[in-house]
Amino acid sequence: MAKDKKSFVLYADQQDLFSFLPDEVAGKLIKHIFSYVNDEDPKADNQLVELAFISIKRQLKRDLQKWETQLEQRREAGRKSAEKRQRNATTVNERSRASTDNVNVNVNDNKDIYMSFKHLKITKAECIKLNENYTKEQIDNVLESIQNYKGNSKYVSLYLTAKNWLKKEHGDNGRAKVDPLVEHVKKATNT
């Protein structure tokens, strides 16, 4: 058996072989199998055990080869994944540095824009529409989540994306879940 391999498979169709053997010989066969898979190089003192073990030994060797092939494939996949993560981490860090260095906000030109990042933006009018069914806090939390979401580059409209995310998180009317007392306090503090 292979080093670090802790298990092996006996197949259900081998039951016929064990059923055919007398109990004493079947017991010796199973002990012989365990000795073999634990690399003890067993020697059978019974020809019936040796004969029965031949087909089991062949199957164990096929299974071991399959296991070793899978192990190597998984090692290689892990190695490639680690290399890719390392390349992407370097690229992301460089992009992050570049994006923080090149942030330009022109307040005068974007009076209607409530929030924008990357290629997405949402206007104040769109936020007012969302605010009919959701609180400002819910909207802002979702917008922040979208901004931090790695896959946000596939989105075309920040308004539609926010509307869908709000609907998933809070249902059709997120305000219905808000405590009226909390809402009253928020209104009082905003005026």
N, C-alpha and C. Protein backbone atom coordinates (compact mmCIF):
# COMPACT_ATOMS: atom_id res chain seq x y z
N MET A 1 0.84 -1.19 0.00
CA MET A 1 0.00 0.00 0.00
C MET A 1 0.88 1.24 0.00
N ALA A 2 0.23 2.35 -0.30
CA ALA A 2 0.95 3.61 -0.37
C ALA A 2 1.11 4.21 1.02
N LYS A 3 2.17 4.98 1.15
CA LYS A 3 2.40 5.68 2.41
C LYS A 3 1.28 6.71 2.59
N ASP A 4 0.82 6.89 3.80
CA ASP A 4 -0.22 7.85 4.16
C ASP A 4 -1.61 7.47 3.67
N LYS A 5 -1.78 6.30 3.09
CA LYS A 5 -3.11 5.86 2.69
C LYS A 5 -3.70 5.09 3.86
N LYS A 6 -4.85 5.53 4.34
CA LYS A 6 -5.43 4.99 5.56
C LYS A 6 -6.59 4.03 5.31
N SER A 7 -6.97 3.82 4.06
CA SER A 7 -8.14 2.98 3.80
C SER A 7 -7.96 2.20 2.50
N PHE A 8 -8.82 1.22 2.32
CA PHE A 8 -8.89 0.46 1.08
C PHE A 8 -10.32 -0.01 0.90
N VAL A 9 -10.62 -0.52 -0.30
CA VAL A 9 -12.00 -0.91 -0.62
C VAL A 9 -12.06 -2.41 -0.89
N LEU A 10 -13.01 -3.06 -0.24
CA LEU A 10 -13.42 -4.41 -0.62
C LEU A 10 -14.77 -4.26 -1.28
N TYR A 11 -14.98 -4.93 -2.38
CA TYR A 11 -16.19 -4.74 -3.17
C TYR A 11 -17.26 -5.77 -2.80
N ALA A 12 -18.51 -5.36 -2.92
CA ALA A 12 -19.65 -6.21 -2.56
C ALA A 12 -19.67 -7.50 -3.38
N ASP A 13 -19.22 -7.45 -4.63
CA ASP A 13 -19.24 -8.67 -5.45
C ASP A 13 -18.20 -9.70 -4.99
N GLN A 14 -17.31 -9.32 -4.08
CA GLN A 14 -16.35 -10.28 -3.52
C GLN A 14 -16.99 -11.11 -2.40
N GLN A 15 -18.23 -10.80 -2.05
CA GLN A 15 -18.93 -11.56 -1.02
C GLN A 15 -19.07 -13.03 -1.42
N ASP A 16 -19.29 -13.28 -2.71
CA ASP A 16 -19.42 -14.67 -3.18
C ASP A 16 -18.17 -15.47 -2.87
N LEU A 17 -17.01 -14.86 -3.04
CA LEU A 17 -15.75 -15.53 -2.75
C LEU A 17 -15.66 -15.89 -1.27
N PHE A 18 -16.00 -14.92 -0.41
CA PHE A 18 -15.94 -15.17 1.03
C PHE A 18 -16.99 -16.18 1.47
N SER A 19 -18.17 -16.14 0.84
CA SER A 19 -19.23 -17.09 1.20
C SER A 19 -18.86 -18.52 0.82
N PHE A 20 -18.12 -18.67 -0.26
CA PHE A 20 -17.70 -19.99 -0.73
C PHE A 20 -16.68 -20.64 0.21
N LEU A 21 -15.84 -19.82 0.85
CA LEU A 21 -14.78 -20.34 1.71
C LEU A 21 -15.31 -20.75 3.07
N PRO A 22 -14.70 -21.75 3.68
CA PRO A 22 -15.05 -22.08 5.08
C PRO A 22 -14.68 -20.88 5.97
N ASP A 23 -15.36 -20.75 7.09
CA ASP A 23 -15.15 -19.60 7.97
C ASP A 23 -13.70 -19.44 8.40
N GLU A 24 -13.03 -20.51 8.69
CA GLU A 24 -11.63 -20.44 9.14
C GLU A 24 -10.74 -19.87 8.03
N VAL A 25 -10.96 -20.34 6.80
CA VAL A 25 -10.16 -19.87 5.66
C VAL A 25 -10.53 -18.41 5.33
N ALA A 26 -11.82 -18.07 5.41
CA ALA A 26 -12.24 -16.69 5.15
C ALA A 26 -11.60 -15.74 6.17
N GLY A 27 -11.52 -16.16 7.41
CA GLY A 27 -10.86 -15.36 8.45
C GLY A 27 -9.39 -15.17 8.15
N LYS A 28 -8.72 -16.25 7.72
CA LYS A 28 -7.30 -16.14 7.35
C LYS A 28 -7.13 -15.21 6.15
N LEU A 29 -8.09 -15.29 5.19
CA LEU A 29 -8.01 -14.43 4.00
C LEU A 29 -8.12 -12.95 4.38
N ILE A 30 -9.05 -12.63 5.25
CA ILE A 30 -9.20 -11.22 5.63
C ILE A 30 -7.98 -10.73 6.41
N LYS A 31 -7.40 -11.60 7.25
CA LYS A 31 -6.16 -11.22 7.95
C LYS A 31 -5.02 -11.04 6.95
N HIS A 32 -4.99 -11.89 5.94
CA HIS A 32 -3.96 -11.80 4.89
C HIS A 32 -4.10 -10.47 4.14
N ILE A 33 -5.35 -10.07 3.85
CA ILE A 33 -5.60 -8.81 3.14
C ILE A 33 -5.10 -7.63 3.98
N PHE A 34 -5.45 -7.63 5.27
CA PHE A 34 -5.00 -6.54 6.14
C PHE A 34 -3.48 -6.49 6.26
N SER A 35 -2.85 -7.64 6.31
CA SER A 35 -1.38 -7.66 6.34
C SER A 35 -0.81 -7.07 5.06
N TYR A 36 -1.43 -7.42 3.93
CA TYR A 36 -0.94 -6.92 2.65
C TYR A 36 -1.07 -5.40 2.55
N VAL A 37 -2.25 -4.86 2.90
CA VAL A 37 -2.46 -3.41 2.75
C VAL A 37 -1.65 -2.61 3.76
N ASN A 38 -1.17 -3.25 4.81
CA ASN A 38 -0.31 -2.58 5.79
C ASN A 38 1.17 -2.85 5.54
N ASP A 39 1.48 -3.30 4.33
CA ASP A 39 2.86 -3.53 3.88
C ASP A 39 3.64 -4.50 4.76
N GLU A 40 2.97 -5.55 5.23
CA GLU A 40 3.65 -6.55 6.08
C GLU A 40 4.16 -7.73 5.26
N ASP A 41 3.98 -7.70 3.94
CA ASP A 41 4.46 -8.75 3.03
C ASP A 41 4.06 -10.15 3.53
N PRO A 42 2.76 -10.44 3.58
CA PRO A 42 2.30 -11.70 4.17
C PRO A 42 2.60 -12.90 3.28
N LYS A 43 2.78 -14.02 3.91
CA LYS A 43 2.98 -15.30 3.21
C LYS A 43 1.83 -16.22 3.65
N ALA A 44 1.08 -16.72 2.68
CA ALA A 44 -0.06 -17.58 3.00
C ALA A 44 0.43 -19.01 3.23
N ASP A 45 -0.05 -19.60 4.30
CA ASP A 45 0.30 -20.99 4.59
C ASP A 45 -0.77 -21.94 4.04
N ASN A 46 -1.76 -21.38 3.38
CA ASN A 46 -2.87 -22.17 2.85
C ASN A 46 -3.03 -21.81 1.38
N GLN A 47 -3.02 -22.80 0.50
CA GLN A 47 -3.14 -22.54 -0.93
C GLN A 47 -4.49 -21.92 -1.29
N LEU A 48 -5.52 -22.28 -0.58
CA LEU A 48 -6.85 -21.72 -0.84
C LEU A 48 -6.86 -20.21 -0.55
N VAL A 49 -6.19 -19.82 0.53
CA VAL A 49 -6.07 -18.40 0.85
C VAL A 49 -5.29 -17.68 -0.24
N GLU A 50 -4.19 -18.26 -0.69
CA GLU A 50 -3.35 -17.67 -1.73
C GLU A 50 -4.12 -17.53 -3.03
N LEU A 51 -4.88 -18.56 -3.38
CA LEU A 51 -5.66 -18.56 -4.62
C LEU A 51 -6.76 -17.48 -4.55
N ALA A 52 -7.46 -17.41 -3.44
CA ALA A 52 -8.53 -16.42 -3.28
C ALA A 52 -7.97 -15.00 -3.26
N PHE A 53 -6.76 -14.85 -2.75
CA PHE A 53 -6.15 -13.53 -2.60
C PHE A 53 -5.71 -12.94 -3.94
N ILE A 54 -5.45 -13.76 -4.93
CA ILE A 54 -4.93 -13.28 -6.22
C ILE A 54 -5.83 -12.21 -6.84
N SER A 55 -7.13 -12.49 -6.95
CA SER A 55 -8.03 -11.51 -7.58
C SER A 55 -8.18 -10.25 -6.70
N ILE A 56 -8.20 -10.44 -5.39
CA ILE A 56 -8.32 -9.29 -4.49
C ILE A 56 -7.07 -8.42 -4.58
N LYS A 57 -5.91 -9.06 -4.65
CA LYS A 57 -4.65 -8.33 -4.76
C LYS A 57 -4.60 -7.49 -6.03
N ARG A 58 -5.07 -8.06 -7.15
CA ARG A 58 -5.09 -7.32 -8.42
C ARG A 58 -5.99 -6.09 -8.30
N GLN A 59 -7.16 -6.27 -7.68
CA GLN A 59 -8.07 -5.14 -7.52
C GLN A 59 -7.47 -4.07 -6.60
N LEU A 60 -6.82 -4.49 -5.54
CA LEU A 60 -6.17 -3.54 -4.63
C LEU A 60 -5.09 -2.74 -5.36
N LYS A 61 -4.33 -3.40 -6.24
CA LYS A 61 -3.29 -2.70 -7.00
C LYS A 61 -3.90 -1.71 -7.98
N ARG A 62 -5.01 -2.09 -8.66
CA ARG A 62 -5.68 -1.16 -9.57
C ARG A 62 -6.20 0.06 -8.81
N ASP A 63 -6.81 -0.20 -7.65
CA ASP A 63 -7.33 0.90 -6.83
C ASP A 63 -6.20 1.82 -6.36
N LEU A 64 -5.06 1.23 -6.01
CA LEU A 64 -3.92 2.03 -5.55
C LEU A 64 -3.39 2.91 -6.68
N GLN A 65 -3.29 2.35 -7.88
CA GLN A 65 -2.83 3.16 -9.02
C GLN A 65 -3.80 4.31 -9.29
N LYS A 66 -5.09 4.02 -9.22
CA LYS A 66 -6.10 5.06 -9.42
C LYS A 66 -5.97 6.15 -8.35
N TRP A 67 -5.77 5.73 -7.11
CA TRP A 67 -5.62 6.68 -6.00
C TRP A 67 -4.39 7.55 -6.19
N GLU A 68 -3.27 6.92 -6.58
CA GLU A 68 -2.03 7.69 -6.78
C GLU A 68 -2.18 8.68 -7.93
N THR A 69 -2.89 8.30 -8.99
CA THR A 69 -3.13 9.21 -10.10
C THR A 69 -3.97 10.40 -9.65
N GLN A 70 -5.04 10.11 -8.91
CA GLN A 70 -5.89 11.20 -8.39
C GLN A 70 -5.12 12.11 -7.45
N LEU A 71 -4.28 11.52 -6.61
CA LEU A 71 -3.47 12.29 -5.67
C LEU A 71 -2.56 13.26 -6.42
N GLU A 72 -1.92 12.78 -7.47
CA GLU A 72 -1.03 13.62 -8.25
C GLU A 72 -1.81 14.72 -8.98
N GLN A 73 -2.98 14.37 -9.51
CA GLN A 73 -3.81 15.37 -10.18
C GLN A 73 -4.24 16.46 -9.20
N ARG A 74 -4.59 16.07 -8.00
CA ARG A 74 -5.01 17.05 -7.00
C ARG A 74 -3.85 17.92 -6.55
N ARG A 75 -2.66 17.33 -6.43
CA ARG A 75 -1.48 18.12 -6.08
C ARG A 75 -1.22 19.17 -7.15
N GLU A 76 -1.29 18.73 -8.41
CA GLU A 76 -1.03 19.64 -9.52
C GLU A 76 -2.09 20.75 -9.57
N ALA A 77 -3.34 20.39 -9.37
CA ALA A 77 -4.41 21.39 -9.37
C ALA A 77 -4.21 22.38 -8.22
N GLY A 78 -3.82 21.88 -7.06
CA GLY A 78 -3.55 22.75 -5.92
C GLY A 78 -2.39 23.68 -6.19
N ARG A 79 -1.36 23.16 -6.82
CA ARG A 79 -0.19 23.97 -7.15
C ARG A 79 -0.58 25.08 -8.12
N LYS A 80 -1.36 24.72 -9.17
CA LYS A 80 -1.79 25.72 -10.14
C LYS A 80 -2.69 26.76 -9.50
N SER A 81 -3.59 26.31 -8.63
CA SER A 81 -4.49 27.23 -7.94
C SER A 81 -3.72 28.21 -7.06
N ALA A 82 -2.73 27.71 -6.36
CA ALA A 82 -1.92 28.57 -5.50
C ALA A 82 -1.15 29.60 -6.33
N GLU A 83 -0.60 29.16 -7.46
CA GLU A 83 0.11 30.09 -8.34
C GLU A 83 -0.82 31.17 -8.88
N LYS A 84 -2.03 30.74 -9.28
CA LYS A 84 -3.00 31.70 -9.82
C LYS A 84 -3.43 32.69 -8.75
N ARG A 85 -3.68 32.19 -7.53
CA ARG A 85 -4.06 33.10 -6.43
C ARG A 85 -2.95 34.09 -6.16
N GLN A 86 -1.72 33.62 -6.21
CA GLN A 86 -0.59 34.52 -5.95
C GLN A 86 -0.49 35.58 -7.04
N ARG A 87 -0.66 35.17 -8.30
CA ARG A 87 -0.63 36.16 -9.40
C ARG A 87 -1.77 37.16 -9.25
N ASN A 88 -2.98 36.66 -8.95
CA ASN A 88 -4.13 37.55 -8.81
C ASN A 88 -3.99 38.46 -7.61
N ALA A 89 -3.43 37.98 -6.53
CA ALA A 89 -3.24 38.81 -5.34
C ALA A 89 -2.32 39.97 -5.67
N THR A 90 -1.26 39.71 -6.40
CA THR A 90 -0.34 40.77 -6.80
C THR A 90 -1.06 41.76 -7.69
N THR A 91 -1.84 41.26 -8.65
CA THR A 91 -2.56 42.13 -9.56
C THR A 91 -3.60 42.96 -8.81
N VAL A 92 -4.33 42.35 -7.91
CA VAL A 92 -5.35 43.07 -7.15
C VAL A 92 -4.70 44.15 -6.30
N ASN A 93 -3.60 43.82 -5.63
CA ASN A 93 -2.92 44.82 -4.81
C ASN A 93 -2.45 46.00 -5.65
N GLU A 94 -1.92 45.71 -6.84
CA GLU A 94 -1.48 46.79 -7.71
C GLU A 94 -2.67 47.63 -8.15
N ARG A 95 -3.80 46.96 -8.49
CA ARG A 95 -4.99 47.70 -8.91
C ARG A 95 -5.52 48.54 -7.77
N SER A 96 -5.50 47.98 -6.56
CA SER A 96 -6.01 48.71 -5.40
C SER A 96 -5.20 49.97 -5.17
N ARG A 97 -3.88 49.83 -5.26
CA ARG A 97 -3.03 50.99 -5.07
C ARG A 97 -3.31 52.02 -6.15
N ALA A 98 -3.44 51.55 -7.39
CA ALA A 98 -3.68 52.47 -8.50
C ALA A 98 -5.03 53.16 -8.34
N SER A 99 -6.05 52.40 -7.93
CA SER A 99 -7.38 53.01 -7.82
C SER A 99 -7.44 54.02 -6.68
N THR A 100 -6.73 53.79 -5.60
CA THR A 100 -6.76 54.76 -4.51
C THR A 100 -5.94 56.00 -4.86
N ASP A 101 -4.96 55.85 -5.72
CA ASP A 101 -4.17 57.00 -6.13
C ASP A 101 -4.89 57.87 -7.14
N ASN A 102 -5.81 57.29 -7.91
CA ASN A 102 -6.42 58.01 -9.02
C ASN A 102 -7.90 58.30 -8.80
N VAL A 103 -8.32 58.53 -7.61
CA VAL A 103 -9.72 58.84 -7.35
C VAL A 103 -9.93 60.32 -7.55
N ASN A 104 -10.79 60.64 -8.50
CA ASN A 104 -11.11 62.03 -8.78
C ASN A 104 -12.61 62.22 -8.62
N VAL A 105 -13.00 63.13 -7.77
CA VAL A 105 -14.42 63.41 -7.57
C VAL A 105 -14.64 64.87 -7.90
N ASN A 106 -15.51 65.08 -8.87
CA ASN A 106 -15.86 66.45 -9.24
C ASN A 106 -17.30 66.66 -8.82
N VAL A 107 -17.50 67.31 -7.69
CA VAL A 107 -18.82 67.48 -7.08
C VAL A 107 -19.70 68.36 -7.96
N ASN A 108 -19.15 69.35 -8.62
CA ASN A 108 -19.94 70.28 -9.41
C ASN A 108 -20.58 69.60 -10.62
N ASP A 109 -19.89 68.66 -11.23
CA ASP A 109 -20.41 68.00 -12.43
C ASP A 109 -21.41 66.90 -12.11
N ASN A 110 -21.39 66.36 -10.90
CA ASN A 110 -22.21 65.21 -10.57
C ASN A 110 -23.23 65.52 -9.48
N LYS A 111 -23.98 66.61 -9.64
CA LYS A 111 -24.94 66.98 -8.62
C LYS A 111 -26.07 65.97 -8.49
N ASP A 112 -26.43 65.30 -9.58
CA ASP A 112 -27.53 64.33 -9.56
C ASP A 112 -27.07 62.95 -9.09
N ILE A 113 -25.79 62.69 -9.01
CA ILE A 113 -25.26 61.38 -8.66
C ILE A 113 -25.27 61.22 -7.14
N TYR A 114 -25.92 60.15 -6.67
CA TYR A 114 -25.93 59.86 -5.23
C TYR A 114 -24.66 59.11 -4.85
N MET A 115 -24.27 58.12 -5.67
CA MET A 115 -23.07 57.34 -5.39
C MET A 115 -22.56 56.77 -6.70
N SER A 116 -21.23 56.68 -6.84
CA SER A 116 -20.65 56.03 -8.01
C SER A 116 -19.34 55.37 -7.61
N PHE A 117 -19.06 54.29 -8.28
CA PHE A 117 -17.80 53.57 -8.12
C PHE A 117 -17.60 52.72 -9.36
N LYS A 118 -16.35 52.52 -9.70
CA LYS A 118 -16.00 51.80 -10.92
C LYS A 118 -16.84 52.33 -12.07
N HIS A 119 -17.57 51.47 -12.76
CA HIS A 119 -18.38 51.88 -13.91
C HIS A 119 -19.85 52.10 -13.54
N LEU A 120 -20.19 51.97 -12.26
CA LEU A 120 -21.58 52.05 -11.82
C LEU A 120 -21.87 53.37 -11.12
N LYS A 121 -23.11 53.84 -11.28
CA LYS A 121 -23.54 55.03 -10.56
C LYS A 121 -25.04 54.94 -10.35
N ILE A 122 -25.49 55.63 -9.33
CA ILE A 122 -26.92 55.70 -9.03
C ILE A 122 -27.25 57.17 -8.75
N THR A 123 -28.34 57.63 -9.34
CA THR A 123 -28.72 59.03 -9.18
C THR A 123 -29.55 59.21 -7.92
N LYS A 124 -29.67 60.48 -7.53
CA LYS A 124 -30.50 60.80 -6.36
C LYS A 124 -31.96 60.43 -6.63
N ALA A 125 -32.41 60.65 -7.87
CA ALA A 125 -33.80 60.32 -8.22
C ALA A 125 -34.05 58.81 -8.09
N GLU A 126 -33.07 58.00 -8.50
CA GLU A 126 -33.22 56.54 -8.37
C GLU A 126 -33.24 56.14 -6.90
N CYS A 127 -32.46 56.81 -6.08
CA CYS A 127 -32.46 56.52 -4.64
C CYS A 127 -33.80 56.89 -4.02
N ILE A 128 -34.39 57.96 -4.49
CA ILE A 128 -35.71 58.36 -3.97
C ILE A 128 -36.74 57.28 -4.31
N LYS A 129 -36.64 56.72 -5.53
CA LYS A 129 -37.54 55.62 -5.91
C LYS A 129 -37.36 54.42 -4.97
N LEU A 130 -36.10 54.08 -4.70
CA LEU A 130 -35.82 52.95 -3.80
C LEU A 130 -36.32 53.27 -2.39
N ASN A 131 -36.22 54.53 -2.01
CA ASN A 131 -36.59 54.96 -0.66
C ASN A 131 -38.10 54.87 -0.41
N GLU A 132 -38.89 54.69 -1.46
CA GLU A 132 -40.32 54.50 -1.30
C GLU A 132 -40.61 53.18 -0.57
N ASN A 133 -39.76 52.18 -0.81
CA ASN A 133 -39.98 50.85 -0.23
C ASN A 133 -38.93 50.44 0.80
N TYR A 134 -37.79 51.14 0.82
CA TYR A 134 -36.69 50.75 1.70
C TYR A 134 -36.13 51.97 2.41
N THR A 135 -35.54 51.72 3.57
CA THR A 135 -34.97 52.83 4.34
C THR A 135 -33.63 53.23 3.74
N LYS A 136 -33.19 54.43 4.08
CA LYS A 136 -31.90 54.92 3.61
C LYS A 136 -30.78 54.00 4.09
N GLU A 137 -30.90 53.54 5.32
CA GLU A 137 -29.89 52.64 5.88
C GLU A 137 -29.81 51.33 5.09
N GLN A 138 -30.97 50.78 4.74
CA GLN A 138 -30.99 49.55 3.95
C GLN A 138 -30.36 49.78 2.58
N ILE A 139 -30.71 50.90 1.96
CA ILE A 139 -30.17 51.23 0.64
C ILE A 139 -28.66 51.40 0.71
N ASP A 140 -28.19 52.19 1.68
CA ASP A 140 -26.75 52.43 1.80
C ASP A 140 -25.99 51.14 2.08
N ASN A 141 -26.54 50.27 2.92
CA ASN A 141 -25.88 48.99 3.21
C ASN A 141 -25.76 48.14 1.96
N VAL A 142 -26.83 48.08 1.16
CA VAL A 142 -26.79 47.30 -0.07
C VAL A 142 -25.81 47.90 -1.07
N LEU A 143 -25.81 49.23 -1.20
CA LEU A 143 -24.86 49.88 -2.12
C LEU A 143 -23.42 49.59 -1.72
N GLU A 144 -23.16 49.62 -0.43
CA GLU A 144 -21.81 49.31 0.05
C GLU A 144 -21.46 47.85 -0.24
N SER A 145 -22.42 46.95 -0.04
CA SER A 145 -22.18 45.53 -0.33
C SER A 145 -21.88 45.32 -1.81
N ILE A 146 -22.63 45.99 -2.66
CA ILE A 146 -22.39 45.88 -4.11
C ILE A 146 -21.00 46.41 -4.46
N GLN A 147 -20.63 47.53 -3.85
CA GLN A 147 -19.31 48.10 -4.11
C GLN A 147 -18.20 47.13 -3.71
N ASN A 148 -18.38 46.42 -2.61
CA ASN A 148 -17.36 45.51 -2.12
C ASN A 148 -17.42 44.13 -2.78
N TYR A 149 -18.48 43.85 -3.52
CA TYR A 149 -18.66 42.56 -4.18
C TYR A 149 -17.65 42.42 -5.33
N LYS A 150 -16.91 41.31 -5.32
CA LYS A 150 -15.88 41.11 -6.33
C LYS A 150 -16.44 41.09 -7.75
N GLY A 151 -17.62 40.53 -7.91
CA GLY A 151 -18.19 40.36 -9.24
C GLY A 151 -19.02 41.53 -9.73
N ASN A 152 -18.86 42.71 -9.14
CA ASN A 152 -19.72 43.83 -9.53
C ASN A 152 -19.41 44.36 -10.93
N SER A 153 -18.33 43.93 -11.53
CA SER A 153 -18.00 44.41 -12.87
C SER A 153 -18.98 43.90 -13.92
N LYS A 154 -19.72 42.85 -13.61
CA LYS A 154 -20.68 42.31 -14.58
C LYS A 154 -22.01 43.09 -14.57
N TYR A 155 -22.21 43.93 -13.57
CA TYR A 155 -23.46 44.67 -13.47
C TYR A 155 -23.44 45.88 -14.40
N VAL A 156 -24.62 46.19 -14.94
CA VAL A 156 -24.75 47.31 -15.87
C VAL A 156 -25.40 48.51 -15.18
N SER A 157 -26.40 48.26 -14.35
CA SER A 157 -27.14 49.34 -13.70
C SER A 157 -27.07 49.16 -12.19
N LEU A 158 -26.54 50.16 -11.51
CA LEU A 158 -26.46 50.11 -10.06
C LEU A 158 -27.85 50.18 -9.44
N TYR A 159 -28.74 50.95 -10.06
CA TYR A 159 -30.11 51.06 -9.56
C TYR A 159 -30.81 49.69 -9.59
N LEU A 160 -30.78 49.01 -10.74
CA LEU A 160 -31.46 47.71 -10.86
C LEU A 160 -30.81 46.65 -9.97
N THR A 161 -29.51 46.70 -9.88
CA THR A 161 -28.81 45.75 -9.02
C THR A 161 -29.19 45.96 -7.56
N ALA A 162 -29.20 47.22 -7.14
CA ALA A 162 -29.57 47.53 -5.75
C ALA A 162 -31.02 47.13 -5.48
N LYS A 163 -31.89 47.38 -6.44
CA LYS A 163 -33.30 47.03 -6.29
C LYS A 163 -33.45 45.51 -6.11
N ASN A 164 -32.73 44.73 -6.92
CA ASN A 164 -32.79 43.27 -6.81
C ASN A 164 -32.21 42.79 -5.48
N TRP A 165 -31.09 43.35 -5.07
CA TRP A 165 -30.47 42.94 -3.80
C TRP A 165 -31.37 43.30 -2.62
N LEU A 166 -31.96 44.47 -2.66
CA LEU A 166 -32.87 44.88 -1.58
C LEU A 166 -34.07 43.95 -1.52
N LYS A 167 -34.59 43.60 -2.69
CA LYS A 167 -35.74 42.70 -2.73
C LYS A 167 -35.39 41.34 -2.14
N LYS A 168 -34.19 40.83 -2.45
CA LYS A 168 -33.74 39.54 -1.90
C LYS A 168 -33.58 39.61 -0.39
N GLU A 169 -33.00 40.69 0.09
CA GLU A 169 -32.71 40.81 1.52
C GLU A 169 -33.91 41.20 2.37
N HIS A 170 -34.79 42.05 1.81
CA HIS A 170 -35.85 42.64 2.64
C HIS A 170 -37.25 42.42 2.08
N GLY A 171 -37.39 41.71 0.98
CA GLY A 171 -38.70 41.52 0.39
C GLY A 171 -39.11 42.73 -0.44
N ASP A 172 -40.38 42.74 -0.89
CA ASP A 172 -40.86 43.84 -1.73
C ASP A 172 -40.94 45.17 -1.01
N ASN A 173 -41.21 45.12 0.29
CA ASN A 173 -41.31 46.36 1.04
C ASN A 173 -40.51 46.22 2.33
N GLY A 174 -39.28 46.70 2.29
CA GLY A 174 -38.40 46.61 3.45
C GLY A 174 -38.85 47.50 4.59
N ARG A 175 -39.59 48.54 4.29
CA ARG A 175 -40.06 49.45 5.34
C ARG A 175 -41.06 48.77 6.26
N ALA A 176 -41.80 47.79 5.75
CA ALA A 176 -42.81 47.11 6.57
C ALA A 176 -42.17 46.38 7.74
N LYS A 177 -40.90 46.02 7.60
CA LYS A 177 -40.20 45.29 8.66
C LYS A 177 -39.59 46.23 9.70
N VAL A 178 -39.62 47.52 9.43
CA VAL A 178 -38.98 48.49 10.32
C VAL A 178 -39.96 48.85 11.44
N ASP A 179 -39.45 48.94 12.61
CA ASP A 179 -40.23 49.33 13.78
C ASP A 179 -40.65 50.80 13.63
N PRO A 180 -41.95 51.12 13.75
CA PRO A 180 -42.40 52.51 13.58
C PRO A 180 -41.72 53.49 14.55
N LEU A 181 -41.43 53.05 15.76
CA LEU A 181 -40.76 53.91 16.73
C LEU A 181 -39.37 54.29 16.24
N VAL A 182 -38.65 53.31 15.70
CA VAL A 182 -37.30 53.57 15.17
C VAL A 182 -37.40 54.55 14.01
N GLU A 183 -38.39 54.38 13.15
CA GLU A 183 -38.57 55.26 12.01
C GLU A 183 -38.88 56.68 12.48
N HIS A 184 -39.71 56.82 13.49
CA HIS A 184 -40.07 58.13 14.05
C HIS A 184 -38.84 58.85 14.61
N VAL A 185 -38.01 58.08 15.33
CA VAL A 185 -36.78 58.67 15.89
C VAL A 185 -35.85 59.12 14.77
N LYS A 186 -35.73 58.32 13.72
CA LYS A 186 -34.86 58.69 12.60
C LYS A 186 -35.35 59.98 11.94
N LYS A 187 -36.66 60.10 11.74
CA LYS A 187 -37.21 61.31 11.13
C LYS A 187 -36.96 62.51 12.02
N ALA A 188 -37.13 62.34 13.32
CA ALA A 188 -36.95 63.44 14.27
C ALA A 188 -35.49 63.92 14.27
N THR A 189 -34.55 63.02 14.14
CA THR A 189 -33.13 63.41 14.17
C THR A 189 -32.69 64.01 12.84
N ASN A 190 -33.38 63.71 11.75
CA ASN A 190 -33.00 64.24 10.43
C ASN A 190 -33.53 65.68 10.24
N THR A 191 -34.55 66.07 10.97
CA THR A 191 -35.13 67.43 10.76
C THR A 191 -34.47 68.46 11.60
